[in-house]
């Protein structure tokens, strides 16, 4: 796979960074492919190095049936959260008139819009 097949966003000044593979259209963080070869969103999946993220993207490209090289990209974690990750409008579980914006990769149980959040 050539270097031009996917985009890479990074901040080279920081040390000890993590990298994500994310879906460009939705900005969901992508996990490892399942048994059917489909890569599903998984907010916990991180890579210690750029090389590890590129290797994982290569593995996804080999097993995903309808792989499109423009569908996924790699970004450094801090850059991703500050500049790339989309926000969605949520409303409160307790009071639907209260609305706020939160990142698309917020786990359901960590969102104030869920009953689980309020029952902890």
N, C-alpha and C. Protein backbone atom coordinates (compact mmCIF):
# COMPACT_ATOMS: atom_id res chain seq x y z
N UNK A 1 0.85 -1.17 0.00
CA UNK A 1 0.00 0.00 0.00
C UNK A 1 0.89 1.24 0.00
N UNK A 2 0.60 2.20 -0.82
CA UNK A 2 1.44 3.37 -0.94
C UNK A 2 1.12 4.41 0.14
N UNK A 3 2.04 5.32 0.37
CA UNK A 3 1.87 6.35 1.39
C UNK A 3 0.77 7.35 1.01
N UNK A 4 0.45 7.46 -0.24
CA UNK A 4 -0.55 8.43 -0.68
C UNK A 4 -1.98 7.93 -0.50
N UNK A 5 -2.16 6.69 -0.05
CA UNK A 5 -3.49 6.10 0.04
C UNK A 5 -4.28 6.58 1.25
N UNK A 6 -3.64 7.18 2.21
CA UNK A 6 -4.36 7.69 3.37
C UNK A 6 -3.65 8.91 3.91
N UNK A 7 -4.38 9.75 4.61
CA UNK A 7 -3.78 10.97 5.15
C UNK A 7 -3.29 10.74 6.56
N UNK A 8 -2.28 11.48 6.95
CA UNK A 8 -1.71 11.37 8.28
C UNK A 8 -1.65 12.76 8.89
N UNK A 9 -2.22 12.90 10.08
CA UNK A 9 -2.20 14.17 10.80
C UNK A 9 -1.41 13.97 12.07
N UNK A 10 -0.36 14.76 12.27
CA UNK A 10 0.45 14.59 13.46
C UNK A 10 1.09 15.90 13.89
N UNK A 11 1.45 15.96 15.14
CA UNK A 11 2.19 17.07 15.71
C UNK A 11 3.53 16.48 16.12
N UNK A 12 4.58 16.75 15.39
CA UNK A 12 5.86 16.09 15.61
C UNK A 12 6.60 16.58 16.85
N UNK A 13 6.16 17.64 17.50
CA UNK A 13 6.86 18.17 18.66
C UNK A 13 6.64 17.33 19.92
N UNK A 14 5.52 16.65 20.03
CA UNK A 14 5.21 15.93 21.26
C UNK A 14 5.81 14.53 21.27
N UNK A 15 6.28 14.12 22.44
CA UNK A 15 6.84 12.79 22.63
C UNK A 15 5.84 11.92 23.37
N UNK A 16 5.94 10.61 23.21
CA UNK A 16 5.06 9.70 23.92
C UNK A 16 3.61 9.83 23.48
N UNK A 17 3.39 10.04 22.21
CA UNK A 17 2.03 10.25 21.71
C UNK A 17 1.35 8.94 21.39
N UNK A 18 0.04 9.00 21.24
CA UNK A 18 -0.76 7.88 20.78
C UNK A 18 -1.35 8.26 19.43
N UNK A 19 -1.71 7.24 18.67
CA UNK A 19 -2.28 7.47 17.35
C UNK A 19 -3.60 6.73 17.23
N UNK A 20 -4.50 7.29 16.45
CA UNK A 20 -5.79 6.67 16.17
C UNK A 20 -5.92 6.42 14.68
N UNK A 21 -6.67 5.38 14.34
CA UNK A 21 -7.20 5.24 12.98
C UNK A 21 -8.65 5.65 13.11
N UNK A 22 -9.09 6.57 12.27
CA UNK A 22 -10.46 7.04 12.35
C UNK A 22 -11.12 7.06 10.99
N UNK A 23 -12.45 6.97 11.00
CA UNK A 23 -13.21 7.06 9.77
C UNK A 23 -13.36 8.53 9.42
N UNK A 24 -12.99 8.91 8.24
CA UNK A 24 -12.95 10.32 7.85
C UNK A 24 -14.33 10.97 7.89
N UNK A 25 -15.35 10.30 7.40
CA UNK A 25 -16.69 10.90 7.31
C UNK A 25 -17.32 11.15 8.68
N UNK A 26 -17.21 10.18 9.58
CA UNK A 26 -17.88 10.29 10.88
C UNK A 26 -16.94 10.67 12.02
N UNK A 27 -15.66 10.52 11.85
CA UNK A 27 -14.58 10.68 12.83
C UNK A 27 -14.67 9.69 13.98
N UNK A 28 -15.34 8.55 13.77
CA UNK A 28 -15.32 7.49 14.78
C UNK A 28 -13.94 6.85 14.79
N UNK A 29 -13.41 6.57 15.99
CA UNK A 29 -12.16 5.86 16.13
C UNK A 29 -12.43 4.39 15.78
N UNK A 30 -11.60 3.83 14.93
CA UNK A 30 -11.84 2.49 14.40
C UNK A 30 -10.99 1.46 15.14
N UNK A 31 -11.62 0.33 15.45
CA UNK A 31 -10.93 -0.77 16.12
C UNK A 31 -10.46 -1.82 15.13
N UNK A 32 -10.11 -2.97 15.66
CA UNK A 32 -9.63 -4.07 14.82
C UNK A 32 -10.79 -4.69 14.05
N UNK A 33 -10.52 -5.26 12.89
CA UNK A 33 -11.59 -5.91 12.12
C UNK A 33 -12.15 -7.13 12.86
N UNK A 34 -13.45 -7.36 12.71
CA UNK A 34 -14.08 -8.53 13.33
C UNK A 34 -13.87 -9.76 12.43
N UNK A 35 -14.53 -10.85 12.77
CA UNK A 35 -14.37 -12.11 12.03
C UNK A 35 -14.80 -11.98 10.56
N UNK A 36 -15.72 -11.06 10.28
CA UNK A 36 -16.19 -10.86 8.91
C UNK A 36 -15.32 -9.89 8.12
N UNK A 37 -14.28 -9.35 8.75
CA UNK A 37 -13.39 -8.43 8.07
C UNK A 37 -13.86 -6.99 8.08
N UNK A 38 -14.83 -6.67 8.91
CA UNK A 38 -15.35 -5.30 8.98
C UNK A 38 -14.76 -4.61 10.20
N UNK A 39 -14.15 -3.44 10.01
CA UNK A 39 -13.60 -2.67 11.12
C UNK A 39 -14.72 -1.85 11.75
N UNK A 40 -14.97 -2.07 13.02
CA UNK A 40 -16.05 -1.39 13.75
C UNK A 40 -15.49 -0.26 14.61
N UNK A 41 -16.31 0.74 14.94
CA UNK A 41 -15.86 1.80 15.84
C UNK A 41 -15.51 1.24 17.23
N UNK A 42 -14.41 1.71 17.79
CA UNK A 42 -13.97 1.30 19.12
C UNK A 42 -13.13 2.44 19.71
N UNK A 43 -13.71 3.19 20.61
CA UNK A 43 -13.05 4.38 21.16
C UNK A 43 -11.81 4.04 21.99
N UNK A 44 -11.60 2.77 22.33
CA UNK A 44 -10.46 2.37 23.16
C UNK A 44 -9.22 2.03 22.35
N UNK A 45 -9.33 1.89 21.05
CA UNK A 45 -8.22 1.42 20.23
C UNK A 45 -7.21 2.54 19.96
N UNK A 46 -6.01 2.38 20.50
CA UNK A 46 -4.93 3.35 20.26
C UNK A 46 -3.69 2.59 19.82
N UNK A 47 -2.75 3.32 19.24
CA UNK A 47 -1.48 2.75 18.78
C UNK A 47 -0.35 3.59 19.33
N UNK A 48 0.71 2.95 19.80
CA UNK A 48 1.82 3.66 20.43
C UNK A 48 2.67 4.43 19.43
N UNK A 49 2.76 3.91 18.21
CA UNK A 49 3.61 4.55 17.20
C UNK A 49 2.84 4.69 15.89
N UNK A 50 3.35 5.57 15.06
CA UNK A 50 2.76 5.76 13.74
C UNK A 50 2.91 4.47 12.92
N UNK A 51 4.03 3.79 13.07
CA UNK A 51 4.26 2.55 12.34
C UNK A 51 3.22 1.48 12.72
N UNK A 52 2.88 1.40 14.00
CA UNK A 52 1.87 0.43 14.45
C UNK A 52 0.51 0.77 13.85
N UNK A 53 0.16 2.05 13.80
CA UNK A 53 -1.12 2.47 13.22
C UNK A 53 -1.15 2.16 11.72
N UNK A 54 -0.06 2.42 11.03
CA UNK A 54 0.01 2.12 9.60
C UNK A 54 -0.11 0.62 9.34
N UNK A 55 0.53 -0.19 10.20
CA UNK A 55 0.45 -1.65 10.05
C UNK A 55 -0.98 -2.12 10.27
N UNK A 56 -1.67 -1.55 11.27
CA UNK A 56 -3.07 -1.93 11.53
C UNK A 56 -3.95 -1.53 10.36
N UNK A 57 -3.70 -0.37 9.77
CA UNK A 57 -4.48 0.07 8.61
C UNK A 57 -4.23 -0.85 7.42
N UNK A 58 -3.02 -1.31 7.27
CA UNK A 58 -2.71 -2.27 6.21
C UNK A 58 -3.47 -3.58 6.43
N UNK A 59 -3.53 -4.05 7.69
CA UNK A 59 -4.28 -5.28 7.99
C UNK A 59 -5.77 -5.09 7.69
N UNK A 60 -6.31 -3.91 8.03
CA UNK A 60 -7.71 -3.63 7.72
C UNK A 60 -7.92 -3.67 6.21
N UNK A 61 -7.00 -3.08 5.46
CA UNK A 61 -7.16 -3.04 3.99
C UNK A 61 -7.14 -4.43 3.37
N UNK A 62 -6.45 -5.38 4.00
CA UNK A 62 -6.36 -6.73 3.44
C UNK A 62 -7.59 -7.58 3.73
N UNK A 63 -8.29 -7.31 4.84
CA UNK A 63 -9.41 -8.18 5.21
C UNK A 63 -10.78 -7.56 4.96
N UNK A 64 -10.86 -6.24 4.86
CA UNK A 64 -12.16 -5.60 4.63
C UNK A 64 -12.58 -5.79 3.18
N UNK A 65 -13.78 -6.35 2.96
CA UNK A 65 -14.20 -6.70 1.59
C UNK A 65 -14.28 -5.52 0.62
N UNK A 66 -14.86 -4.42 1.03
CA UNK A 66 -15.01 -3.26 0.14
C UNK A 66 -14.14 -2.11 0.63
N UNK A 67 -12.86 -2.36 0.79
CA UNK A 67 -11.93 -1.36 1.34
C UNK A 67 -11.78 -0.19 0.38
N UNK A 68 -11.95 1.00 0.92
CA UNK A 68 -11.74 2.25 0.18
C UNK A 68 -10.62 3.00 0.90
N UNK A 69 -9.48 3.27 0.25
CA UNK A 69 -8.35 3.91 0.92
C UNK A 69 -8.65 5.32 1.43
N UNK A 70 -9.68 5.96 0.91
CA UNK A 70 -10.00 7.31 1.39
C UNK A 70 -10.95 7.30 2.58
N UNK A 71 -11.39 6.13 3.00
CA UNK A 71 -12.35 6.03 4.11
C UNK A 71 -11.70 6.26 5.47
N UNK A 72 -10.45 5.84 5.66
CA UNK A 72 -9.77 5.93 6.95
C UNK A 72 -8.56 6.85 6.87
N UNK A 73 -8.20 7.40 8.03
CA UNK A 73 -7.00 8.21 8.15
C UNK A 73 -6.38 7.95 9.52
N UNK A 74 -5.14 8.38 9.69
CA UNK A 74 -4.42 8.24 10.95
C UNK A 74 -4.14 9.63 11.50
N UNK A 75 -4.32 9.79 12.81
CA UNK A 75 -4.02 11.07 13.45
C UNK A 75 -3.45 10.84 14.83
N UNK A 76 -2.61 11.76 15.24
CA UNK A 76 -2.10 11.76 16.61
C UNK A 76 -3.27 12.10 17.53
N UNK A 77 -3.33 11.52 18.71
CA UNK A 77 -4.49 11.63 19.60
C UNK A 77 -4.84 13.07 19.97
N UNK A 78 -3.87 13.85 20.39
CA UNK A 78 -4.16 15.23 20.81
C UNK A 78 -4.66 16.06 19.64
N UNK A 79 -4.00 15.93 18.50
CA UNK A 79 -4.43 16.66 17.30
C UNK A 79 -5.85 16.23 16.89
N UNK A 80 -6.13 14.94 16.97
CA UNK A 80 -7.44 14.42 16.61
C UNK A 80 -8.54 15.04 17.47
N UNK A 81 -8.35 15.03 18.79
CA UNK A 81 -9.38 15.55 19.69
C UNK A 81 -9.56 17.07 19.56
N UNK A 82 -8.48 17.79 19.28
CA UNK A 82 -8.57 19.25 19.18
C UNK A 82 -9.11 19.73 17.83
N UNK A 83 -8.71 19.07 16.74
CA UNK A 83 -8.97 19.62 15.41
C UNK A 83 -9.85 18.79 14.49
N UNK A 84 -10.02 17.50 14.75
CA UNK A 84 -10.70 16.64 13.79
C UNK A 84 -12.04 16.11 14.30
N UNK A 85 -12.07 15.64 15.54
CA UNK A 85 -13.23 14.93 16.06
C UNK A 85 -14.49 15.79 16.02
N UNK A 86 -15.55 15.24 15.46
CA UNK A 86 -16.83 15.94 15.35
C UNK A 86 -17.57 15.93 16.69
N UNK A 87 -18.44 16.89 16.85
CA UNK A 87 -19.29 17.00 18.03
C UNK A 87 -20.73 16.70 17.62
N UNK A 88 -21.49 16.12 18.54
CA UNK A 88 -22.91 15.87 18.30
C UNK A 88 -23.72 16.51 19.42
N UNK A 89 -24.92 16.94 19.07
CA UNK A 89 -25.79 17.55 20.08
C UNK A 89 -26.54 16.45 20.82
N UNK A 90 -26.50 16.52 22.13
CA UNK A 90 -27.18 15.54 22.98
C UNK A 90 -28.15 16.27 23.89
N UNK A 91 -29.14 15.54 24.38
CA UNK A 91 -30.07 16.11 25.35
C UNK A 91 -30.05 15.23 26.60
N UNK A 92 -30.41 15.82 27.71
CA UNK A 92 -30.34 15.14 28.99
C UNK A 92 -31.37 14.03 29.11
N UNK A 93 -30.98 12.96 29.77
CA UNK A 93 -31.89 11.85 30.06
C UNK A 93 -32.99 12.33 31.00
N UNK A 94 -32.62 13.17 31.95
CA UNK A 94 -33.57 13.65 32.96
C UNK A 94 -34.45 14.79 32.44
N UNK A 95 -33.88 15.67 31.64
CA UNK A 95 -34.60 16.84 31.16
C UNK A 95 -34.25 17.06 29.69
N UNK A 96 -35.16 16.73 28.80
CA UNK A 96 -34.86 16.81 27.37
C UNK A 96 -34.70 18.24 26.86
N UNK A 97 -35.03 19.23 27.67
CA UNK A 97 -34.85 20.62 27.22
C UNK A 97 -33.38 21.06 27.35
N UNK A 98 -32.59 20.37 28.13
CA UNK A 98 -31.17 20.69 28.28
C UNK A 98 -30.40 20.02 27.15
N UNK A 99 -29.66 20.82 26.39
CA UNK A 99 -28.89 20.30 25.27
C UNK A 99 -27.45 20.77 25.37
N UNK A 100 -26.52 19.95 24.87
CA UNK A 100 -25.11 20.29 24.85
C UNK A 100 -24.43 19.52 23.73
N UNK A 101 -23.19 19.87 23.48
CA UNK A 101 -22.40 19.20 22.44
C UNK A 101 -21.35 18.32 23.12
N UNK A 102 -21.17 17.09 22.57
CA UNK A 102 -20.13 16.21 23.08
C UNK A 102 -19.49 15.47 21.91
N UNK A 103 -18.24 15.00 22.07
CA UNK A 103 -17.55 14.30 20.99
C UNK A 103 -18.26 13.01 20.59
N UNK A 104 -18.18 12.65 19.31
CA UNK A 104 -18.85 11.44 18.82
C UNK A 104 -18.29 10.18 19.45
N UNK A 105 -17.06 10.20 19.92
CA UNK A 105 -16.44 9.01 20.50
C UNK A 105 -16.65 8.88 22.00
N UNK A 106 -17.51 9.71 22.58
CA UNK A 106 -17.80 9.58 24.01
C UNK A 106 -18.57 8.28 24.23
N UNK A 107 -18.06 7.41 25.13
CA UNK A 107 -18.80 6.17 25.40
C UNK A 107 -20.18 6.49 25.97
N UNK A 108 -21.15 5.66 25.65
CA UNK A 108 -22.52 5.90 26.08
C UNK A 108 -22.63 6.04 27.59
N UNK A 109 -21.92 5.19 28.33
CA UNK A 109 -22.02 5.21 29.78
C UNK A 109 -21.34 6.43 30.41
N UNK A 110 -20.56 7.19 29.64
CA UNK A 110 -19.92 8.42 30.12
C UNK A 110 -20.67 9.67 29.71
N UNK A 111 -21.76 9.50 29.01
CA UNK A 111 -22.54 10.64 28.53
C UNK A 111 -23.69 10.95 29.48
N UNK A 112 -23.85 12.21 29.88
CA UNK A 112 -24.98 12.57 30.73
C UNK A 112 -26.34 12.34 30.06
N UNK A 113 -26.34 12.01 28.79
CA UNK A 113 -27.61 11.72 28.10
C UNK A 113 -28.10 10.30 28.36
N UNK A 114 -27.32 9.49 29.07
CA UNK A 114 -27.69 8.08 29.31
C UNK A 114 -28.15 7.86 30.75
N UNK A 115 -29.00 6.88 30.90
CA UNK A 115 -29.46 6.50 32.24
C UNK A 115 -28.30 5.91 33.04
N UNK A 116 -27.40 5.20 32.37
CA UNK A 116 -26.27 4.58 33.04
C UNK A 116 -25.41 5.62 33.75
N UNK A 117 -25.19 6.75 33.11
CA UNK A 117 -24.39 7.83 33.69
C UNK A 117 -24.99 8.29 35.02
N UNK A 118 -26.29 8.43 35.07
CA UNK A 118 -26.94 8.95 36.27
C UNK A 118 -27.14 7.88 37.35
N UNK A 119 -27.01 6.62 37.01
CA UNK A 119 -27.22 5.56 38.01
C UNK A 119 -25.92 5.09 38.66
N UNK A 120 -24.79 5.64 38.24
CA UNK A 120 -23.51 5.25 38.84
C UNK A 120 -23.33 5.89 40.19
